[in-house]
């Protein structure tokens, strides 16, 4: 699944990223006091470690969205 998630992250458009960001923004802020998801996204543009971290957070969002869809089905 991890490879699939990372492939999706690479091909997702901005609106998909925006929707996914909404699912993780609060949790990221809670686990990284004094920092926002936007801070991470800015660093991810030039730091491979932060890009990987952002992709991991997006993977959480993708799984969270899938779980929500399964609950409502």
Protein backbone atom coordinates (compact mmCIF):
# COMPACT_ATOMS: atom_id res chain seq x y z
CA UNK A 1 0.00 0.00 0.00
CA UNK A 2 2.81 2.42 0.78
CA UNK A 3 4.03 2.41 -2.81
CA UNK A 4 0.49 3.00 -4.05
CA UNK A 5 0.04 5.91 -1.69
CA UNK A 6 3.31 7.51 -2.74
CA UNK A 7 2.38 7.06 -6.40
CA UNK A 8 -0.95 8.76 -5.73
CA UNK A 9 0.71 11.62 -3.89
CA UNK A 10 2.98 12.21 -6.86
CA UNK A 11 0.09 12.32 -9.34
CA UNK A 12 -2.60 13.99 -7.22
CA UNK A 13 -3.68 17.45 -8.26
CA UNK A 14 -3.75 20.47 -5.96
CA UNK A 15 -7.44 20.17 -5.10
CA UNK A 16 -6.92 16.55 -4.01
CA UNK A 17 -3.98 17.61 -1.83
CA UNK A 18 -6.10 20.39 -0.38
CA UNK A 19 -8.91 17.98 0.51
CA UNK A 20 -6.44 15.58 2.09
CA UNK A 21 -4.69 18.38 3.98
CA UNK A 22 -7.98 19.21 5.68
CA UNK A 23 -8.06 15.70 7.16
CA UNK A 24 -4.64 15.99 8.81
CA UNK A 25 -4.03 19.68 9.56
CA UNK A 26 -5.31 19.52 13.13
CA UNK A 27 -3.48 16.29 13.98
CA UNK A 28 -0.23 17.60 12.54
CA UNK A 29 -0.49 20.75 14.65
CA UNK A 30 -1.21 18.67 17.76
CA UNK A 31 1.83 16.47 17.22
CA UNK A 32 4.15 19.32 16.16
CA UNK A 33 3.48 22.23 18.56
CA UNK A 34 4.34 25.64 17.16
CA UNK A 35 4.33 24.36 13.60
CA UNK A 36 1.69 24.05 10.90
CA UNK A 37 1.17 21.68 8.03
CA UNK A 38 1.88 24.62 5.73
CA UNK A 39 5.32 24.94 7.36
CA UNK A 40 6.01 21.31 6.54
CA UNK A 41 4.77 21.75 2.97
CA UNK A 42 7.08 24.74 2.44
CA UNK A 43 10.08 22.76 3.67
CA UNK A 44 9.05 19.73 1.61
CA UNK A 45 9.64 21.77 -1.53
CA UNK A 46 13.41 21.59 -0.95
CA UNK A 47 14.04 19.01 1.79
CA UNK A 48 13.72 15.32 0.87
CA UNK A 49 13.17 14.32 4.51
CA UNK A 50 10.26 16.72 4.90
CA UNK A 51 8.85 15.64 1.54
CA UNK A 52 8.81 12.07 2.83
CA UNK A 53 7.20 13.20 6.07
CA UNK A 54 4.51 15.10 4.15
CA UNK A 55 3.86 12.04 2.00
CA UNK A 56 3.50 9.94 5.14
CA UNK A 57 0.93 12.39 6.48
CA UNK A 58 -0.92 12.29 3.16
CA UNK A 59 -0.95 8.50 3.42
CA UNK A 60 -2.68 8.89 6.79
CA UNK A 61 -5.22 11.22 5.18
CA UNK A 62 -5.88 8.77 2.33
CA UNK A 63 -6.49 5.95 4.78
CA UNK A 64 -8.68 8.18 6.94
CA UNK A 65 -10.76 9.20 3.90
CA UNK A 66 -11.16 5.54 2.89
CA UNK A 67 -12.27 4.61 6.40
CA UNK A 68 -14.85 7.40 6.41
CA UNK A 69 -16.19 6.23 3.05
CA UNK A 70 -16.45 2.66 4.33
CA UNK A 71 -18.40 3.80 7.39
CA UNK A 72 -20.90 5.74 5.30
CA UNK A 73 -21.39 2.88 2.80
